[in-house]
N, C-alpha and C. Protein backbone atom coordinates (compact mmCIF):
# COMPACT_ATOMS: atom_id res chain seq x y z
N MET A 1 195.64 -161.89 -71.58
CA MET A 1 194.97 -161.65 -72.85
C MET A 1 193.91 -162.70 -73.09
N ASN A 2 194.22 -163.96 -72.85
CA ASN A 2 193.28 -165.04 -73.07
C ASN A 2 192.11 -164.92 -72.09
N HIS A 3 192.41 -164.55 -70.86
CA HIS A 3 191.37 -164.38 -69.85
C HIS A 3 190.43 -163.23 -70.23
N LEU A 4 190.99 -162.15 -70.79
CA LEU A 4 190.21 -160.99 -71.22
C LEU A 4 189.29 -161.35 -72.38
N GLN A 5 189.80 -162.13 -73.33
CA GLN A 5 188.99 -162.54 -74.49
C GLN A 5 187.83 -163.43 -74.05
N SER A 6 188.08 -164.35 -73.16
CA SER A 6 187.02 -165.25 -72.72
C SER A 6 185.96 -164.47 -71.94
N GLY A 7 186.37 -163.48 -71.16
CA GLY A 7 185.41 -162.64 -70.43
C GLY A 7 184.56 -161.82 -71.37
N LEU A 8 185.20 -161.27 -72.41
CA LEU A 8 184.49 -160.49 -73.41
C LEU A 8 183.50 -161.35 -74.18
N LEU A 9 183.91 -162.56 -74.54
CA LEU A 9 183.01 -163.46 -75.25
C LEU A 9 181.82 -163.86 -74.38
N SER A 10 182.05 -164.09 -73.10
CA SER A 10 180.94 -164.46 -72.21
C SER A 10 179.94 -163.32 -72.08
N ILE A 11 180.42 -162.07 -72.07
CA ILE A 11 179.52 -160.92 -72.01
C ILE A 11 178.70 -160.82 -73.29
N ILE A 12 179.33 -161.03 -74.42
CA ILE A 12 178.62 -160.97 -75.71
C ILE A 12 177.55 -162.06 -75.77
N PHE A 13 177.88 -163.27 -75.34
CA PHE A 13 176.89 -164.35 -75.36
C PHE A 13 175.75 -164.07 -74.39
N ALA A 14 176.04 -163.47 -73.27
CA ALA A 14 175.00 -163.15 -72.29
C ALA A 14 174.05 -162.11 -72.85
N LEU A 15 174.60 -161.09 -73.54
CA LEU A 15 173.75 -160.05 -74.11
C LEU A 15 172.92 -160.57 -75.27
N THR A 16 173.47 -161.44 -76.08
CA THR A 16 172.70 -161.96 -77.21
C THR A 16 171.61 -162.91 -76.74
N GLY A 17 171.73 -163.42 -75.54
CA GLY A 17 170.67 -164.28 -75.00
C GLY A 17 169.42 -163.50 -74.66
N PHE A 18 169.55 -162.18 -74.45
CA PHE A 18 168.40 -161.35 -74.11
C PHE A 18 167.78 -160.67 -75.32
N VAL A 19 168.30 -160.93 -76.49
CA VAL A 19 167.77 -160.31 -77.70
C VAL A 19 166.42 -160.94 -78.02
N SER A 20 165.44 -160.12 -78.30
CA SER A 20 164.08 -160.58 -78.60
C SER A 20 164.04 -161.26 -79.97
N LEU A 21 163.13 -162.19 -80.10
CA LEU A 21 162.92 -162.85 -81.39
C LEU A 21 161.92 -162.08 -82.23
N TYR A 22 161.61 -160.85 -81.83
CA TYR A 22 160.62 -160.03 -82.54
C TYR A 22 161.03 -159.79 -83.98
N GLY A 23 162.32 -159.81 -84.29
CA GLY A 23 162.81 -159.56 -85.62
C GLY A 23 162.44 -160.66 -86.61
N GLN A 24 162.10 -161.84 -86.09
CA GLN A 24 161.71 -162.91 -86.99
C GLN A 24 160.39 -162.53 -87.64
N THR A 25 160.31 -162.78 -88.93
CA THR A 25 159.08 -162.41 -89.62
C THR A 25 158.09 -163.58 -89.66
N ILE A 26 158.57 -164.78 -89.84
CA ILE A 26 157.66 -165.93 -89.94
C ILE A 26 158.15 -167.02 -88.99
N GLN A 27 157.22 -167.57 -88.21
CA GLN A 27 157.51 -168.71 -87.35
C GLN A 27 156.57 -169.84 -87.73
N ARG A 28 157.10 -171.04 -87.74
CA ARG A 28 156.28 -172.23 -88.02
C ARG A 28 156.40 -173.16 -86.82
N GLY A 29 155.27 -173.66 -86.38
CA GLY A 29 155.30 -174.57 -85.25
C GLY A 29 153.91 -174.96 -84.81
N LYS A 30 153.86 -175.61 -83.64
CA LYS A 30 152.59 -176.11 -83.13
C LYS A 30 151.87 -175.03 -82.31
N ALA A 31 150.54 -175.03 -82.46
CA ALA A 31 149.70 -174.13 -81.69
C ALA A 31 148.69 -174.94 -80.90
N SER A 32 148.42 -174.48 -79.69
CA SER A 32 147.37 -175.06 -78.87
C SER A 32 146.40 -173.92 -78.55
N TYR A 33 145.35 -174.22 -77.78
CA TYR A 33 144.40 -173.17 -77.46
C TYR A 33 143.92 -173.31 -76.02
N TYR A 34 143.42 -172.17 -75.49
CA TYR A 34 142.88 -172.13 -74.13
C TYR A 34 141.50 -172.80 -74.12
N SER A 35 141.20 -173.45 -73.04
CA SER A 35 139.88 -174.04 -72.86
C SER A 35 138.87 -172.92 -72.60
N LYS A 36 137.59 -173.22 -72.86
CA LYS A 36 136.53 -172.25 -72.54
C LYS A 36 136.48 -172.00 -71.03
N LYS A 37 136.91 -172.98 -70.26
CA LYS A 37 136.88 -172.86 -68.80
C LYS A 37 137.86 -171.80 -68.29
N ALA A 38 138.81 -171.39 -69.11
CA ALA A 38 139.79 -170.39 -68.70
C ALA A 38 139.23 -168.97 -68.76
N THR A 39 137.99 -168.82 -69.23
CA THR A 39 137.37 -167.50 -69.32
C THR A 39 137.35 -166.84 -67.95
N GLY A 40 137.80 -165.59 -67.91
CA GLY A 40 137.83 -164.83 -66.66
C GLY A 40 139.19 -164.82 -65.99
N ALA A 41 140.08 -165.72 -66.40
CA ALA A 41 141.41 -165.76 -65.79
C ALA A 41 142.21 -164.54 -66.24
N ARG A 42 143.10 -164.07 -65.37
CA ARG A 42 143.97 -162.93 -65.72
C ARG A 42 145.14 -163.42 -66.56
N THR A 43 145.46 -162.63 -67.60
CA THR A 43 146.62 -162.93 -68.43
C THR A 43 147.82 -162.18 -67.88
N SER A 44 148.98 -162.40 -68.46
CA SER A 44 150.20 -161.73 -68.01
C SER A 44 150.14 -160.23 -68.21
N SER A 45 149.35 -159.77 -69.19
CA SER A 45 149.23 -158.33 -69.44
C SER A 45 148.28 -157.66 -68.47
N GLY A 46 147.53 -158.45 -67.70
CA GLY A 46 146.58 -157.90 -66.75
C GLY A 46 145.15 -157.96 -67.23
N GLU A 47 144.95 -158.25 -68.51
CA GLU A 47 143.60 -158.35 -69.05
C GLU A 47 142.96 -159.66 -68.61
N ARG A 48 141.65 -159.68 -68.64
CA ARG A 48 140.92 -160.91 -68.37
C ARG A 48 140.70 -161.64 -69.69
N LEU A 49 140.85 -162.95 -69.64
CA LEU A 49 140.70 -163.78 -70.83
C LEU A 49 139.22 -164.06 -71.07
N HIS A 50 138.80 -164.00 -72.31
CA HIS A 50 137.44 -164.39 -72.69
C HIS A 50 137.55 -165.32 -73.88
N HIS A 51 136.76 -166.38 -73.88
CA HIS A 51 136.92 -167.40 -74.92
C HIS A 51 136.53 -166.89 -76.30
N ASP A 52 135.71 -165.84 -76.40
CA ASP A 52 135.32 -165.31 -77.72
C ASP A 52 136.24 -164.21 -78.23
N SER A 53 137.26 -163.83 -77.47
CA SER A 53 138.18 -162.79 -77.94
C SER A 53 139.24 -163.42 -78.85
N LEU A 54 139.75 -162.62 -79.76
CA LEU A 54 140.80 -163.10 -80.68
C LEU A 54 142.15 -162.68 -80.10
N THR A 55 142.61 -163.44 -79.10
CA THR A 55 143.86 -163.14 -78.42
C THR A 55 144.75 -164.39 -78.41
N CYS A 56 145.99 -164.19 -77.96
CA CYS A 56 146.92 -165.31 -77.92
C CYS A 56 147.99 -165.08 -76.86
N ALA A 57 148.76 -166.13 -76.62
CA ALA A 57 149.93 -166.06 -75.76
C ALA A 57 151.15 -166.36 -76.62
N HIS A 58 152.16 -165.54 -76.50
CA HIS A 58 153.41 -165.74 -77.25
C HIS A 58 154.56 -165.41 -76.33
N ARG A 59 155.67 -166.09 -76.52
CA ARG A 59 156.81 -165.90 -75.60
C ARG A 59 157.55 -164.59 -75.80
N THR A 60 157.66 -164.11 -77.04
CA THR A 60 158.57 -163.00 -77.30
C THR A 60 157.92 -161.72 -77.80
N TYR A 61 156.82 -161.78 -78.50
CA TYR A 61 156.22 -160.56 -79.03
C TYR A 61 155.65 -159.71 -77.89
N PRO A 62 155.80 -158.39 -77.98
CA PRO A 62 155.29 -157.51 -76.93
C PRO A 62 153.76 -157.57 -76.85
N PHE A 63 153.22 -157.25 -75.66
CA PHE A 63 151.77 -157.21 -75.49
C PHE A 63 151.17 -156.20 -76.47
N GLY A 64 150.05 -156.55 -77.05
CA GLY A 64 149.38 -155.66 -78.00
C GLY A 64 149.77 -155.89 -79.44
N THR A 65 150.82 -156.67 -79.69
CA THR A 65 151.24 -156.94 -81.06
C THR A 65 150.17 -157.78 -81.75
N LYS A 66 149.83 -157.40 -82.96
CA LYS A 66 148.85 -158.15 -83.72
C LYS A 66 149.58 -159.14 -84.62
N LEU A 67 149.14 -160.39 -84.57
CA LEU A 67 149.77 -161.46 -85.34
C LEU A 67 148.78 -162.08 -86.30
N LYS A 68 149.28 -162.50 -87.43
CA LYS A 68 148.48 -163.26 -88.40
C LYS A 68 148.86 -164.72 -88.22
N VAL A 69 147.88 -165.55 -87.90
CA VAL A 69 148.12 -166.98 -87.69
C VAL A 69 147.38 -167.73 -88.79
N THR A 70 148.10 -168.59 -89.51
CA THR A 70 147.53 -169.32 -90.63
C THR A 70 147.65 -170.81 -90.37
N ASN A 71 146.59 -171.55 -90.67
CA ASN A 71 146.61 -173.00 -90.61
C ASN A 71 146.91 -173.50 -92.02
N PRO A 72 148.13 -173.98 -92.30
CA PRO A 72 148.49 -174.36 -93.67
C PRO A 72 147.73 -175.59 -94.16
N LYS A 73 147.18 -176.37 -93.25
CA LYS A 73 146.45 -177.58 -93.64
C LYS A 73 145.17 -177.24 -94.40
N ASN A 74 144.46 -176.17 -93.96
CA ASN A 74 143.21 -175.81 -94.63
C ASN A 74 143.23 -174.39 -95.21
N GLY A 75 144.31 -173.64 -95.01
CA GLY A 75 144.44 -172.30 -95.58
C GLY A 75 143.71 -171.21 -94.80
N LYS A 76 143.06 -171.54 -93.70
CA LYS A 76 142.34 -170.53 -92.92
C LYS A 76 143.32 -169.72 -92.10
N MET A 77 142.95 -168.42 -91.89
CA MET A 77 143.82 -167.54 -91.12
C MET A 77 142.99 -166.68 -90.19
N VAL A 78 143.65 -166.17 -89.15
CA VAL A 78 143.01 -165.31 -88.17
C VAL A 78 144.03 -164.30 -87.66
N PHE A 79 143.54 -163.11 -87.30
CA PHE A 79 144.39 -162.08 -86.72
C PHE A 79 144.12 -162.04 -85.21
N VAL A 80 145.18 -162.14 -84.43
CA VAL A 80 145.06 -162.17 -82.98
C VAL A 80 145.98 -161.11 -82.36
N ARG A 81 145.69 -160.77 -81.10
CA ARG A 81 146.49 -159.79 -80.37
C ARG A 81 147.15 -160.49 -79.19
N VAL A 82 148.44 -160.21 -78.96
CA VAL A 82 149.19 -160.85 -77.87
C VAL A 82 148.78 -160.21 -76.55
N THR A 83 148.25 -161.04 -75.62
CA THR A 83 147.85 -160.56 -74.30
C THR A 83 148.45 -161.39 -73.17
N ASP A 84 149.18 -162.46 -73.51
CA ASP A 84 149.68 -163.36 -72.47
C ASP A 84 151.05 -163.90 -72.88
N ARG A 85 151.76 -164.49 -71.93
CA ARG A 85 153.05 -165.13 -72.18
C ARG A 85 152.87 -166.64 -72.20
N GLY A 86 153.67 -167.29 -73.00
CA GLY A 86 153.62 -168.75 -73.10
C GLY A 86 153.53 -169.10 -74.56
N PRO A 87 153.33 -170.29 -74.92
CA PRO A 87 153.30 -171.49 -74.09
C PRO A 87 154.72 -171.93 -73.73
N TYR A 88 154.85 -172.58 -72.62
CA TYR A 88 156.16 -173.06 -72.18
C TYR A 88 156.19 -174.57 -72.28
N GLY A 89 157.16 -175.07 -73.02
CA GLY A 89 157.33 -176.51 -73.17
C GLY A 89 156.49 -177.11 -74.27
N ARG A 90 156.59 -178.41 -74.42
CA ARG A 90 155.85 -179.23 -75.37
C ARG A 90 156.02 -178.82 -76.82
N GLY A 91 157.02 -178.02 -77.14
CA GLY A 91 157.32 -177.68 -78.54
C GLY A 91 156.30 -176.78 -79.21
N ARG A 92 155.54 -176.02 -78.44
CA ARG A 92 154.52 -175.14 -79.02
C ARG A 92 155.04 -173.72 -79.11
N ILE A 93 154.57 -172.98 -80.12
CA ILE A 93 155.04 -171.61 -80.30
C ILE A 93 153.99 -170.57 -79.94
N ILE A 94 152.71 -170.98 -79.88
CA ILE A 94 151.64 -170.02 -79.61
C ILE A 94 150.46 -170.73 -78.96
N ASP A 95 149.79 -170.03 -78.04
CA ASP A 95 148.53 -170.48 -77.44
C ASP A 95 147.45 -169.52 -77.91
N LEU A 96 146.40 -170.05 -78.51
CA LEU A 96 145.33 -169.23 -79.05
C LEU A 96 144.11 -169.25 -78.14
N SER A 97 143.29 -168.23 -78.24
CA SER A 97 142.01 -168.25 -77.54
C SER A 97 141.12 -169.28 -78.23
N TRP A 98 140.05 -169.69 -77.54
CA TRP A 98 139.16 -170.71 -78.08
C TRP A 98 138.56 -170.24 -79.41
N ARG A 99 138.17 -168.97 -79.49
CA ARG A 99 137.57 -168.43 -80.72
C ARG A 99 138.56 -168.43 -81.88
N ALA A 100 139.82 -168.06 -81.61
CA ALA A 100 140.84 -168.06 -82.67
C ALA A 100 141.07 -169.48 -83.18
N ALA A 101 141.07 -170.46 -82.26
CA ALA A 101 141.24 -171.86 -82.67
C ALA A 101 140.06 -172.32 -83.50
N LYS A 102 138.86 -171.86 -83.16
CA LYS A 102 137.67 -172.21 -83.92
C LYS A 102 137.76 -171.64 -85.33
N GLU A 103 138.23 -170.39 -85.45
CA GLU A 103 138.38 -169.76 -86.76
C GLU A 103 139.38 -170.52 -87.64
N LEU A 104 140.40 -171.11 -87.01
CA LEU A 104 141.40 -171.88 -87.76
C LEU A 104 140.96 -173.32 -87.98
N ASP A 105 139.81 -173.71 -87.42
CA ASP A 105 139.25 -175.05 -87.55
C ASP A 105 140.21 -176.10 -86.98
N MET A 106 140.68 -175.83 -85.74
CA MET A 106 141.60 -176.77 -85.11
C MET A 106 141.08 -177.28 -83.76
N LEU A 107 139.80 -177.06 -83.47
CA LEU A 107 139.24 -177.48 -82.18
C LEU A 107 139.28 -178.99 -82.00
N THR A 108 138.98 -179.74 -83.05
CA THR A 108 138.94 -181.20 -82.92
C THR A 108 140.34 -181.79 -82.77
N GLN A 109 141.34 -181.13 -83.35
CA GLN A 109 142.71 -181.65 -83.29
C GLN A 109 143.37 -181.33 -81.94
N GLY A 110 143.05 -180.17 -81.37
CA GLY A 110 143.67 -179.75 -80.11
C GLY A 110 144.99 -179.05 -80.33
N VAL A 111 145.85 -179.63 -81.13
CA VAL A 111 147.15 -179.04 -81.48
C VAL A 111 147.27 -179.09 -82.99
N ALA A 112 147.73 -177.98 -83.59
CA ALA A 112 147.87 -177.94 -85.06
C ALA A 112 149.12 -177.18 -85.43
N MET A 113 149.65 -177.50 -86.58
CA MET A 113 150.78 -176.75 -87.14
C MET A 113 150.25 -175.43 -87.69
N VAL A 114 150.94 -174.33 -87.37
CA VAL A 114 150.52 -173.01 -87.83
C VAL A 114 151.72 -172.20 -88.31
N ILE A 115 151.41 -171.14 -89.01
CA ILE A 115 152.42 -170.16 -89.43
C ILE A 115 152.04 -168.84 -88.75
N VAL A 116 152.99 -168.27 -88.00
CA VAL A 116 152.75 -167.03 -87.26
C VAL A 116 153.63 -165.94 -87.83
N GLU A 117 153.02 -164.80 -88.17
CA GLU A 117 153.80 -163.66 -88.64
C GLU A 117 153.18 -162.37 -88.11
N PRO A 118 154.02 -161.36 -87.82
CA PRO A 118 153.47 -160.10 -87.32
C PRO A 118 152.61 -159.43 -88.38
N MET A 119 151.59 -158.75 -87.95
CA MET A 119 150.64 -158.14 -88.87
C MET A 119 151.23 -156.96 -89.63
N ASP A 120 152.37 -156.42 -89.16
CA ASP A 120 153.00 -155.29 -89.84
C ASP A 120 153.35 -155.62 -91.27
N THR A 121 153.67 -156.89 -91.55
CA THR A 121 154.06 -157.28 -92.89
C THR A 121 152.85 -157.54 -93.78
N THR A 122 151.65 -157.55 -93.19
CA THR A 122 150.43 -157.79 -93.95
C THR A 122 150.02 -156.50 -94.65
N ILE A 123 149.70 -156.57 -95.92
CA ILE A 123 149.28 -155.40 -96.68
C ILE A 123 147.79 -155.20 -96.46
N VAL A 124 147.41 -154.00 -96.00
CA VAL A 124 146.02 -153.68 -95.78
C VAL A 124 145.46 -153.07 -97.06
N PRO A 125 144.40 -153.65 -97.64
CA PRO A 125 143.87 -153.08 -98.87
C PRO A 125 143.19 -151.73 -98.62
N PHE A 126 143.28 -150.85 -99.58
CA PHE A 126 142.65 -149.54 -99.54
C PHE A 126 143.15 -148.69 -98.37
N ARG A 127 144.40 -148.83 -98.06
CA ARG A 127 144.98 -148.02 -96.99
C ARG A 127 145.06 -146.57 -97.46
N PRO A 128 144.63 -145.61 -96.65
CA PRO A 128 144.68 -144.21 -97.09
C PRO A 128 146.12 -143.75 -97.27
N SER A 129 146.31 -142.84 -98.19
CA SER A 129 147.66 -142.36 -98.45
C SER A 129 148.16 -141.52 -97.28
N ASP A 130 149.46 -141.49 -97.10
CA ASP A 130 150.06 -140.77 -95.98
C ASP A 130 150.12 -139.26 -96.21
N ASN A 131 150.11 -138.84 -97.46
CA ASN A 131 150.24 -137.41 -97.75
C ASN A 131 148.84 -136.82 -98.00
N MET A 132 148.13 -136.58 -96.90
CA MET A 132 146.80 -135.98 -96.98
C MET A 132 146.94 -134.47 -96.91
N ALA A 133 146.19 -133.75 -97.73
CA ALA A 133 146.23 -132.29 -97.72
C ALA A 133 145.28 -131.78 -96.65
N LEU A 134 145.78 -130.93 -95.77
CA LEU A 134 144.97 -130.36 -94.72
C LEU A 134 144.38 -129.03 -95.18
N PRO A 135 143.17 -128.71 -94.77
CA PRO A 135 142.58 -127.44 -95.18
C PRO A 135 143.32 -126.27 -94.54
N GLU A 136 143.34 -125.15 -95.23
CA GLU A 136 144.00 -123.96 -94.71
C GLU A 136 142.98 -123.16 -93.91
N LEU A 137 143.33 -122.79 -92.69
CA LEU A 137 142.42 -122.08 -91.81
C LEU A 137 142.81 -120.61 -91.73
N ASP A 138 141.80 -119.72 -91.74
CA ASP A 138 142.03 -118.28 -91.65
C ASP A 138 141.52 -117.80 -90.30
N PHE A 139 142.42 -117.28 -89.47
CA PHE A 139 142.07 -116.84 -88.13
C PHE A 139 141.95 -115.33 -88.02
N GLN A 140 141.80 -114.62 -89.12
CA GLN A 140 141.67 -113.17 -89.07
C GLN A 140 140.24 -112.80 -88.70
N THR A 141 140.09 -111.64 -88.05
CA THR A 141 138.76 -111.19 -87.68
C THR A 141 138.28 -110.17 -88.69
N SER A 142 136.98 -110.01 -88.81
CA SER A 142 136.44 -109.03 -89.74
C SER A 142 136.44 -107.65 -89.08
N ASP A 143 136.22 -106.60 -89.88
CA ASP A 143 136.23 -105.23 -89.37
C ASP A 143 134.99 -104.94 -88.52
N ASP A 144 133.90 -105.68 -88.73
CA ASP A 144 132.67 -105.43 -87.97
C ASP A 144 132.83 -105.79 -86.50
N ILE A 145 133.68 -106.69 -86.23
CA ILE A 145 133.85 -107.14 -84.86
C ILE A 145 134.98 -106.34 -84.22
N MET A 146 134.65 -105.63 -83.15
CA MET A 146 135.64 -104.80 -82.48
C MET A 146 136.10 -105.53 -81.23
N ASP A 147 137.34 -105.44 -80.93
CA ASP A 147 137.94 -106.06 -79.75
C ASP A 147 137.72 -107.57 -79.73
N GLY A 148 137.55 -108.17 -80.90
CA GLY A 148 137.36 -109.61 -80.96
C GLY A 148 136.03 -110.06 -80.39
N MET A 149 135.07 -109.14 -80.26
CA MET A 149 133.79 -109.47 -79.65
C MET A 149 132.68 -109.26 -80.67
N HIS A 150 131.78 -110.17 -80.76
CA HIS A 150 130.65 -110.08 -81.67
C HIS A 150 129.74 -108.92 -81.22
N PRO A 151 129.11 -108.20 -82.15
CA PRO A 151 128.28 -107.05 -81.76
C PRO A 151 127.19 -107.40 -80.75
N ALA A 152 126.57 -108.55 -80.86
CA ALA A 152 125.53 -108.92 -79.89
C ALA A 152 126.11 -109.02 -78.49
N TRP A 153 127.33 -109.52 -78.38
CA TRP A 153 127.98 -109.63 -77.07
C TRP A 153 128.36 -108.25 -76.55
N GLN A 154 128.68 -107.32 -77.47
CA GLN A 154 129.00 -105.96 -77.04
C GLN A 154 127.78 -105.30 -76.41
N ASP A 155 126.57 -105.55 -76.99
CA ASP A 155 125.35 -104.97 -76.43
C ASP A 155 125.10 -105.52 -75.03
N ILE A 156 125.32 -106.81 -74.84
CA ILE A 156 125.12 -107.42 -73.53
C ILE A 156 126.11 -106.84 -72.53
N LYS A 157 127.34 -106.61 -72.98
CA LYS A 157 128.35 -106.04 -72.10
C LYS A 157 127.94 -104.63 -71.66
N LYS A 158 127.38 -103.82 -72.58
CA LYS A 158 126.95 -102.46 -72.25
C LYS A 158 125.82 -102.50 -71.23
N VAL A 159 124.88 -103.42 -71.41
CA VAL A 159 123.76 -103.52 -70.47
C VAL A 159 124.27 -103.90 -69.09
N ASN A 160 125.22 -104.79 -69.03
CA ASN A 160 125.76 -105.23 -67.74
C ASN A 160 126.60 -104.15 -67.08
N GLU A 161 127.16 -103.22 -67.84
CA GLU A 161 127.99 -102.17 -67.27
C GLU A 161 127.17 -101.06 -66.65
N LYS A 162 125.88 -100.90 -67.03
CA LYS A 162 125.04 -99.84 -66.47
C LYS A 162 124.80 -100.13 -65.00
N PRO A 163 124.78 -99.07 -64.15
CA PRO A 163 124.53 -99.31 -62.73
C PRO A 163 123.09 -99.79 -62.54
N ALA A 164 122.94 -100.69 -61.64
CA ALA A 164 121.62 -101.25 -61.38
C ALA A 164 120.76 -100.21 -60.67
N LYS A 165 119.51 -100.12 -61.08
CA LYS A 165 118.58 -99.18 -60.46
C LYS A 165 118.17 -99.75 -59.12
N SER A 166 117.91 -98.83 -58.19
CA SER A 166 117.48 -99.31 -56.87
C SER A 166 116.04 -99.80 -56.96
N ILE A 167 115.72 -100.74 -56.16
CA ILE A 167 114.39 -101.32 -56.18
C ILE A 167 113.47 -100.39 -55.39
N PRO A 168 112.35 -99.98 -55.99
CA PRO A 168 111.45 -99.06 -55.27
C PRO A 168 110.83 -99.74 -54.06
N LYS A 169 110.66 -98.93 -53.00
CA LYS A 169 110.06 -99.47 -51.79
C LYS A 169 108.56 -99.58 -51.98
N LYS A 170 107.98 -100.57 -51.32
CA LYS A 170 106.54 -100.75 -51.40
C LYS A 170 105.85 -99.68 -50.58
N LYS A 171 104.74 -99.24 -51.08
CA LYS A 171 103.93 -98.29 -50.32
C LYS A 171 103.19 -99.07 -49.25
N PRO A 172 103.12 -98.52 -48.09
CA PRO A 172 102.38 -99.23 -47.05
C PRO A 172 100.90 -99.33 -47.40
N SER A 173 100.34 -100.44 -47.05
CA SER A 173 98.91 -100.65 -47.35
C SER A 173 98.06 -99.80 -46.42
N ALA A 174 96.79 -99.70 -46.70
CA ALA A 174 95.86 -98.87 -45.92
C ALA A 174 95.75 -99.40 -44.49
N ILE A 175 95.82 -100.69 -44.30
CA ILE A 175 95.72 -101.29 -42.97
C ILE A 175 96.93 -100.90 -42.15
N GLN A 176 98.11 -100.96 -42.78
CA GLN A 176 99.35 -100.64 -42.07
C GLN A 176 99.36 -99.16 -41.69
N GLN A 177 98.77 -98.27 -42.53
CA GLN A 177 98.75 -96.85 -42.23
C GLN A 177 97.81 -96.56 -41.04
N LYS A 178 96.73 -97.30 -40.92
CA LYS A 178 95.79 -97.10 -39.82
C LYS A 178 96.42 -97.48 -38.50
N LYS A 179 97.30 -98.52 -38.51
CA LYS A 179 97.93 -98.98 -37.29
C LYS A 179 98.87 -97.94 -36.73
N LYS A 180 99.44 -97.13 -37.56
CA LYS A 180 100.42 -96.14 -37.12
C LYS A 180 99.69 -95.07 -36.46
């Protein structure tokens, strides 16, 4: 019984170790940024890095997730998209592109404290309502159109159905008649 309980507990701990931290809504920690020299390097998602793109590296959020990153020191914020994995070590929670770091005004510091939250929790102003009324379409045909064909197309069909006339033969010229 004791052996069974310890085995069950080890399985539970192993499974909880693979649970994503995506459920966290707000993370606070240190952010660093990619150098401009990293432009052109491949990220973990397969995209090429560009220093002017608003992208980032995060350990747990899926690729393509949009994150809101705020610098609490000056109140500036930027929206970035996850395209890479990392940062690993040094107590950092996110690596930003050079442009994103510039928007947060953290280029001179190199490393800054930030607040990271998924963009899903951000309220978008003037978001269109979900219950949009769609127009009603009428697919009935009118009585003027027979067989679902417009009258002009019916005339073309009649012309094409007529047998083609044979091409008249040329009359021989006077020179050709003299040769015979």
